[in-house]
Amino acid sequence: MCKMLLSVNPEHVDNILSGVKQFEFRKVRCKRDVESILIYATSPVMLVVGEAEVREVIEGAPESVWKLTTDFAGVSKPFFDRYYKNKKKAIAYRLGKVERYLQPLPLSAFGISVAPQSFVYV
């Protein structure tokens, strides 16, 4: 098992840290089994602000993934539909325990120099 670092919009970061958003949606699934996600808040924050346990990975057609995640998706249906427009597959990482770092860290603390477009293993 390993960790991965994801770039996440600050609005979604706030929803993850508050527990409103309990799923992180992606278009591509990472190949390795991941135990947790390091949360990098994109501009203007540009820091790793916390970590979330990965409890489960849900994969399937966007409509079926939406039905399984809708109560704690943390995003609207129109946002979800725009994100997966013309896609046959959706990935949802079900988040467990979320830890907000008391002192957010720069990417360099993890040996990373540039924020990933998708994800990077740590």
C-alpha atoms as a PDB file:
ATOM      1  CA  MET A   1       0.000   0.000   0.000  1.00  0.00           C
ATOM      2  CA  CYS A   2       1.100   3.555  -0.665  1.00  0.00           C
ATOM      3  CA  LYS A   3      -0.087   7.141  -0.626  1.00  0.00           C
ATOM      4  CA  MET A   4      -0.888   9.409  -3.520  1.00  0.00           C
ATOM      5  CA  LEU A   5      -0.953  13.163  -3.741  1.00  0.00           C
ATOM      6  CA  LEU A   6      -3.890  14.777  -5.548  1.00  0.00           C
ATOM      7  CA  SER A   7      -4.290  18.368  -6.675  1.00  0.00           C
ATOM      8  CA  VAL A   8      -7.691  19.583  -5.474  1.00  0.00           C
ATOM      9  CA  ASN A   9      -9.471  22.917  -5.961  1.00  0.00           C
ATOM     10  CA  PRO A  10      -9.570  24.846  -2.625  1.00  0.00           C
ATOM     11  CA  GLU A  11     -13.401  24.879  -2.649  1.00  0.00           C
ATOM     12  CA  HIS A  12     -13.448  21.083  -2.749  1.00  0.00           C
ATOM     13  CA  VAL A  13     -10.651  20.904  -0.168  1.00  0.00           C
ATOM     14  CA  ASP A  14     -12.809  22.825   2.306  1.00  0.00           C
ATOM     15  CA  ASN A  15     -15.703  20.428   1.679  1.00  0.00           C
ATOM     16  CA  ILE A  16     -13.450  17.392   2.176  1.00  0.00           C
ATOM     17  CA  LEU A  17     -11.972  18.761   5.404  1.00  0.00           C
ATOM     18  CA  SER A  18     -15.436  19.627   6.763  1.00  0.00           C
ATOM     19  CA  GLY A  19     -16.855  16.183   5.887  1.00  0.00           C
ATOM     20  CA  VAL A  20     -19.403  17.480   3.351  1.00  0.00           C
ATOM     21  CA  LYS A  21     -17.516  15.826   0.481  1.00  0.00           C
ATOM     22  CA  GLN A  22     -16.754  12.193   1.293  1.00  0.00           C
ATOM     23  CA  PHE A  23     -15.825  11.128  -2.246  1.00  0.00           C
ATOM     24  CA  GLU A  24     -13.053  12.360  -4.505  1.00  0.00           C
ATOM     25  CA  PHE A  25     -13.940  11.916  -8.166  1.00  0.00           C
ATOM     26  CA  ARG A  26     -11.396  11.173 -10.872  1.00  0.00           C
ATOM     27  CA  LYS A  27     -11.455  10.161 -14.515  1.00  0.00           C
ATOM     28  CA  VAL A  28      -8.525   7.750 -14.195  1.00  0.00           C
ATOM     29  CA  ARG A  29      -7.886   5.193 -11.461  1.00  0.00           C
ATOM     30  CA  CYS A  30      -4.370   4.819 -10.150  1.00  0.00           C
ATOM     31  CA  LYS A  31      -2.905   1.356 -10.674  1.00  0.00           C
ATOM     32  CA  ARG A  32      -1.599   0.806  -7.146  1.00  0.00           C
ATOM     33  CA  ASP A  33      -3.615   0.143  -4.018  1.00  0.00           C
ATOM     34  CA  VAL A  34      -3.627   3.401  -2.088  1.00  0.00           C
ATOM     35  CA  GLU A  35      -4.153   3.682   1.656  1.00  0.00           C
ATOM     36  CA  SER A  36      -4.458   7.458   1.794  1.00  0.00           C
ATOM     37  CA  ILE A  37      -4.570  10.629  -0.260  1.00  0.00           C
ATOM     38  CA  LEU A  38      -2.410  13.655   0.474  1.00  0.00           C
ATOM     39  CA  ILE A  39      -4.528  16.703  -0.347  1.00  0.00           C
ATOM     40  CA  TYR A  40      -2.750  19.483  -2.233  1.00  0.00           C
ATOM     41  CA  ALA A  41      -4.877  22.632  -2.374  1.00  0.00           C
ATOM     42  CA  THR A  42      -4.287  24.351  -5.712  1.00  0.00           C
ATOM     43  CA  SER A  43      -3.855  28.105  -6.264  1.00  0.00           C
ATOM     44  CA  PRO A  44      -4.030  30.382  -4.393  1.00  0.00           C
ATOM     45  CA  VAL A  45      -3.213  28.078  -1.409  1.00  0.00           C
ATOM     46  CA  MET A  46      -0.592  25.850  -3.091  1.00  0.00           C
ATOM     47  CA  LEU A  47       0.119  23.688  -0.023  1.00  0.00           C
ATOM     48  CA  VAL A  48      -0.521  20.140   1.156  1.00  0.00           C
ATOM     49  CA  VAL A  49      -3.215  20.788   3.741  1.00  0.00           C
ATOM     50  CA  GLY A  50      -4.221  17.326   4.912  1.00  0.00           C
ATOM     51  CA  GLU A  51      -4.588  13.621   4.366  1.00  0.00           C
ATOM     52  CA  ALA A  52      -7.601  11.358   3.885  1.00  0.00           C
ATOM     53  CA  GLU A  53      -7.896   7.614   4.355  1.00  0.00           C
ATOM     54  CA  VAL A  54      -9.125   5.710   1.282  1.00  0.00           C
ATOM     55  CA  ARG A  55     -11.844   3.281   2.382  1.00  0.00           C
ATOM     56  CA  GLU A  56     -12.999   2.074  -1.022  1.00  0.00           C
ATOM     57  CA  VAL A  57     -12.674   2.742  -4.741  1.00  0.00           C
ATOM     58  CA  ILE A  58     -15.900   2.779  -6.746  1.00  0.00           C
ATOM     59  CA  GLU A  59     -15.595   2.383 -10.494  1.00  0.00           C
ATOM     60  CA  GLY A  60     -18.304   2.239 -13.135  1.00  0.00           C
ATOM     61  CA  ALA A  61     -20.507   4.156 -15.509  1.00  0.00           C
ATOM     62  CA  PRO A  62     -20.939   7.762 -14.355  1.00  0.00           C
ATOM     63  CA  GLU A  63     -24.677   7.337 -13.640  1.00  0.00           C
ATOM     64  CA  SER A  64     -24.134   4.268 -11.461  1.00  0.00           C
ATOM     65  CA  VAL A  65     -21.277   5.956  -9.568  1.00  0.00           C
ATOM     66  CA  TRP A  66     -23.476   9.026  -9.003  1.00  0.00           C
ATOM     67  CA  LYS A  67     -26.257   6.874  -7.539  1.00  0.00           C
ATOM     68  CA  LEU A  68     -23.811   5.347  -5.047  1.00  0.00           C
ATOM     69  CA  THR A  69     -22.201   8.640  -4.028  1.00  0.00           C
ATOM     70  CA  THR A  70     -24.899  11.305  -4.337  1.00  0.00           C
ATOM     71  CA  ASP A  71     -25.585  11.776  -0.599  1.00  0.00           C
ATOM     72  CA  PHE A  72     -21.973  12.706   0.197  1.00  0.00           C
ATOM     73  CA  ALA A  73     -20.626  13.695  -3.222  1.00  0.00           C
ATOM     74  CA  GLY A  74     -19.993  17.278  -2.150  1.00  0.00           C
ATOM     75  CA  VAL A  75     -20.680  18.431  -5.719  1.00  0.00           C
ATOM     76  CA  SER A  76     -23.870  19.119  -7.626  1.00  0.00           C
ATOM     77  CA  LYS A  77     -25.266  16.794 -10.273  1.00  0.00           C
ATOM     78  CA  PRO A  78     -24.652  19.386 -13.034  1.00  0.00           C
ATOM     79  CA  PHE A  79     -20.998  19.714 -11.923  1.00  0.00           C
ATOM     80  CA  PHE A  80     -20.626  15.904 -11.887  1.00  0.00           C
ATOM     81  CA  ASP A  81     -22.218  15.620 -15.343  1.00  0.00           C
ATOM     82  CA  ARG A  82     -19.918  18.292 -16.798  1.00  0.00           C
ATOM     83  CA  TYR A  83     -16.855  16.597 -15.293  1.00  0.00           C
ATOM     84  CA  TYR A  84     -17.748  13.213 -16.825  1.00  0.00           C
ATOM     85  CA  LYS A  85     -19.186  14.505 -20.114  1.00  0.00           C
ATOM     86  CA  ASN A  86     -18.518  11.960 -22.883  1.00  0.00           C
ATOM     87  CA  LYS A  87     -16.807   9.589 -20.428  1.00  0.00           C
ATOM     88  CA  LYS A  88     -17.822   5.948 -20.077  1.00  0.00           C
ATOM     89  CA  LYS A  89     -16.155   5.426 -16.711  1.00  0.00           C
ATOM     90  CA  ALA A  90     -16.093   7.310 -13.400  1.00  0.00           C
ATOM     91  CA  ILE A  91     -13.866   6.700 -10.383  1.00  0.00           C
ATOM     92  CA  ALA A  92     -14.819   7.682  -6.831  1.00  0.00           C
ATOM     93  CA  TYR A  93     -12.434   7.354  -3.908  1.00  0.00           C
ATOM     94  CA  ARG A  94     -14.507   6.940  -0.743  1.00  0.00           C
ATOM     95  CA  LEU A  95     -12.759   8.913   1.965  1.00  0.00           C
ATOM     96  CA  GLY A  96     -12.553   7.766   5.564  1.00  0.00           C
ATOM     97  CA  LYS A  97     -10.812   9.597   8.377  1.00  0.00           C
ATOM     98  CA  VAL A  98      -9.595  13.028   7.276  1.00  0.00           C
ATOM     99  CA  GLU A  99      -6.758  14.832   9.022  1.00  0.00           C
ATOM    100  CA  ARG A 100      -6.241  18.569   8.570  1.00  0.00           C
ATOM    101  CA  TYR A 101      -2.573  19.441   8.983  1.00  0.00           C
ATOM    102  CA  LEU A 102      -1.996  22.037  11.681  1.00  0.00           C
ATOM    103  CA  GLN A 103       0.916  23.271   9.591  1.00  0.00           C
ATOM    104  CA  PRO A 104       0.293  22.891   5.837  1.00  0.00           C
ATOM    105  CA  LEU A 105       3.367  21.750   3.920  1.00  0.00           C
ATOM    106  CA  PRO A 106       4.922  22.720   0.587  1.00  0.00           C
ATOM    107  CA  LEU A 107       5.240  20.090  -2.139  1.00  0.00           C
ATOM    108  CA  SER A 108       9.008  20.099  -1.588  1.00  0.00           C
ATOM    109  CA  ALA A 109       8.440  18.464   1.833  1.00  0.00           C
ATOM    110  CA  PHE A 110       7.389  15.363  -0.149  1.00  0.00           C
ATOM    111  CA  GLY A 111      10.169  15.574  -2.734  1.00  0.00           C
ATOM    112  CA  ILE A 112       7.790  16.981  -5.360  1.00  0.00           C
ATOM    113  CA  SER A 113       8.643  20.101  -7.356  1.00  0.00           C
ATOM    114  CA  VAL A 114       5.518  20.553  -9.511  1.00  0.00           C
ATOM    115  CA  ALA A 115       1.845  19.985  -8.676  1.00  0.00           C
ATOM    116  CA  PRO A 116       0.556  16.912 -10.501  1.00  0.00           C
ATOM    117  CA  GLN A 117      -2.109  17.245 -13.202  1.00  0.00           C
ATOM    118  CA  SER A 118      -3.666  13.987 -12.069  1.00  0.00           C
ATOM    119  CA  PHE A 119      -1.815  12.330  -9.187  1.00  0.00           C
ATOM    120  CA  VAL A 120       1.618  11.262  -8.026  1.00  0.00           C
ATOM    121  CA  TYR A 121       2.570   8.383  -5.728  1.00  0.00           C
ATOM    122  CA  VAL A 122       4.306   9.328  -2.494  1.00  0.00           C
END
